[in-house]
Amino acid sequence: MSTTIMVGYFAGFLTTLSFLPQVVKTWKSKSASDLSLGMFSVFSVGVLCWLSYGVLLQEPPIIFWNTITLVLVLSILVMKLRFDS
């Protein structure tokens, strides 16, 4: 595996992992009142764009990690809408 691919996977792992504590905290507390709906909405679109970019370039690290990040961020958005309505 090339160094570029290894760095790509490691960077994706770290940035994706950063969302996991927020998902867990929001789920446990059943509250997302301190989270910005606008920020997570715009961020979701940005991650979707990165995912599309990865697909166009056929870059597995970009596709893999942005897919997982999108799932995590969308789960936060769903909890935001569900718990704070």
C-alpha atoms as a PDB file:
ATOM      1  CA  MET A   1       0.000   0.000   0.000  1.00  0.00           C
ATOM      2  CA  SER A   2       1.413   3.388  -0.954  1.00  0.00           C
ATOM      3  CA  THR A   3       2.224   6.092   1.564  1.00  0.00           C
ATOM      4  CA  THR A   4      -0.375   8.376  -0.029  1.00  0.00           C
ATOM      5  CA  ILE A   5      -3.113   5.790   0.459  1.00  0.00           C
ATOM      6  CA  MET A   6      -1.992   5.093   4.044  1.00  0.00           C
ATOM      7  CA  VAL A   7      -2.013   8.810   4.893  1.00  0.00           C
ATOM      8  CA  GLY A   8      -5.433   9.142   3.255  1.00  0.00           C
ATOM      9  CA  TYR A   9      -6.891   6.306   5.315  1.00  0.00           C
ATOM     10  CA  PHE A  10      -5.309   7.571   8.541  1.00  0.00           C
ATOM     11  CA  ALA A  11      -6.514  11.147   7.978  1.00  0.00           C
ATOM     12  CA  GLY A  12      -9.997   9.903   7.159  1.00  0.00           C
ATOM     13  CA  PHE A  13     -10.014   7.677  10.227  1.00  0.00           C
ATOM     14  CA  LEU A  14      -9.126  10.574  12.532  1.00  0.00           C
ATOM     15  CA  THR A  15     -11.578  13.085  11.073  1.00  0.00           C
ATOM     16  CA  THR A  16     -14.389  10.525  10.991  1.00  0.00           C
ATOM     17  CA  LEU A  17     -13.636   9.333  14.513  1.00  0.00           C
ATOM     18  CA  SER A  18     -14.011  12.911  15.761  1.00  0.00           C
ATOM     19  CA  PHE A  19     -17.784  12.734  15.190  1.00  0.00           C
ATOM     20  CA  LEU A  20     -18.323   9.546  17.171  1.00  0.00           C
ATOM     21  CA  PRO A  21     -18.279  11.170  20.649  1.00  0.00           C
ATOM     22  CA  GLN A  22     -20.913  13.688  19.524  1.00  0.00           C
ATOM     23  CA  VAL A  23     -23.145  10.945  18.157  1.00  0.00           C
ATOM     24  CA  VAL A  24     -22.852   8.943  21.385  1.00  0.00           C
ATOM     25  CA  LYS A  25     -23.413  11.984  23.617  1.00  0.00           C
ATOM     26  CA  THR A  26     -26.442  13.136  21.645  1.00  0.00           C
ATOM     27  CA  TRP A  27     -27.934   9.645  21.662  1.00  0.00           C
ATOM     28  CA  LYS A  28     -27.407   9.152  25.398  1.00  0.00           C
ATOM     29  CA  SER A  29     -28.691  12.596  26.409  1.00  0.00           C
ATOM     30  CA  LYS A  30     -31.555  12.576  23.883  1.00  0.00           C
ATOM     31  CA  SER A  31     -30.795  16.258  23.361  1.00  0.00           C
ATOM     32  CA  ALA A  32     -29.169  18.151  20.523  1.00  0.00           C
ATOM     33  CA  SER A  33     -30.220  21.626  21.605  1.00  0.00           C
ATOM     34  CA  ASP A  34     -26.627  22.881  21.717  1.00  0.00           C
ATOM     35  CA  LEU A  35     -25.926  21.735  18.162  1.00  0.00           C
ATOM     36  CA  SER A  36     -26.421  23.992  15.176  1.00  0.00           C
ATOM     37  CA  LEU A  37     -28.899  22.690  12.627  1.00  0.00           C
ATOM     38  CA  GLY A  38     -27.431  25.029  10.017  1.00  0.00           C
ATOM     39  CA  MET A  39     -23.867  23.893  10.601  1.00  0.00           C
ATOM     40  CA  PHE A  40     -24.684  20.192  10.437  1.00  0.00           C
ATOM     41  CA  SER A  41     -26.888  20.719   7.366  1.00  0.00           C
ATOM     42  CA  VAL A  42     -24.182  22.565   5.455  1.00  0.00           C
ATOM     43  CA  PHE A  43     -21.523  20.134   6.660  1.00  0.00           C
ATOM     44  CA  SER A  44     -23.620  17.192   5.421  1.00  0.00           C
ATOM     45  CA  VAL A  45     -23.808  18.719   1.953  1.00  0.00           C
ATOM     46  CA  GLY A  46     -20.046  19.324   2.049  1.00  0.00           C
ATOM     47  CA  VAL A  47     -19.352  15.706   2.991  1.00  0.00           C
ATOM     48  CA  LEU A  48     -21.690  14.553   0.215  1.00  0.00           C
ATOM     49  CA  CYS A  49     -19.667  16.691  -2.209  1.00  0.00           C
ATOM     50  CA  TRP A  50     -16.404  15.139  -0.941  1.00  0.00           C
ATOM     51  CA  LEU A  51     -17.936  11.693  -1.364  1.00  0.00           C
ATOM     52  CA  SER A  52     -18.952  12.536  -4.934  1.00  0.00           C
ATOM     53  CA  TYR A  53     -15.451  13.857  -5.592  1.00  0.00           C
ATOM     54  CA  GLY A  54     -13.957  10.612  -4.297  1.00  0.00           C
ATOM     55  CA  VAL A  55     -16.255   8.596  -6.538  1.00  0.00           C
ATOM     56  CA  LEU A  56     -15.291  10.691  -9.566  1.00  0.00           C
ATOM     57  CA  LEU A  57     -11.585  10.220  -8.796  1.00  0.00           C
ATOM     58  CA  GLN A  58     -12.119   6.568  -7.797  1.00  0.00           C
ATOM     59  CA  GLU A  59     -10.185   7.178  -4.563  1.00  0.00           C
ATOM     60  CA  PRO A  60     -11.067   4.485  -2.005  1.00  0.00           C
ATOM     61  CA  PRO A  61      -9.979   6.422   1.126  1.00  0.00           C
ATOM     62  CA  ILE A  62     -12.106   9.436   0.183  1.00  0.00           C
ATOM     63  CA  ILE A  63     -15.092   7.254  -0.664  1.00  0.00           C
ATOM     64  CA  PHE A  64     -14.790   5.006   2.408  1.00  0.00           C
ATOM     65  CA  TRP A  65     -14.322   7.655   5.100  1.00  0.00           C
ATOM     66  CA  ASN A  66     -16.731  10.197   3.676  1.00  0.00           C
ATOM     67  CA  THR A  67     -19.425   7.532   3.478  1.00  0.00           C
ATOM     68  CA  ILE A  68     -18.958   6.778   7.173  1.00  0.00           C
ATOM     69  CA  THR A  69     -18.739  10.482   8.066  1.00  0.00           C
ATOM     70  CA  LEU A  70     -21.945  11.166   6.138  1.00  0.00           C
ATOM     71  CA  VAL A  71     -23.755   8.424   8.079  1.00  0.00           C
ATOM     72  CA  LEU A  72     -22.536   9.855  11.404  1.00  0.00           C
ATOM     73  CA  VAL A  73     -23.390  13.450  10.512  1.00  0.00           C
ATOM     74  CA  LEU A  74     -26.806  12.500   9.154  1.00  0.00           C
ATOM     75  CA  SER A  75     -27.490  10.566  12.349  1.00  0.00           C
ATOM     76  CA  ILE A  76     -26.722  13.734  14.322  1.00  0.00           C
ATOM     77  CA  LEU A  77     -29.057  15.698  12.045  1.00  0.00           C
ATOM     78  CA  VAL A  78     -31.832  13.140  12.514  1.00  0.00           C
ATOM     79  CA  MET A  79     -31.386  13.248  16.286  1.00  0.00           C
ATOM     80  CA  LYS A  80     -31.374  17.056  16.185  1.00  0.00           C
ATOM     81  CA  LEU A  81     -34.698  17.074  14.349  1.00  0.00           C
ATOM     82  CA  ARG A  82     -36.185  14.283  16.432  1.00  0.00           C
ATOM     83  CA  PHE A  83     -35.109  15.278  19.935  1.00  0.00           C
ATOM     84  CA  ASP A  84     -35.485  19.043  19.617  1.00  0.00           C
ATOM     85  CA  SER A  85     -38.828  19.245  17.844  1.00  0.00           C
END
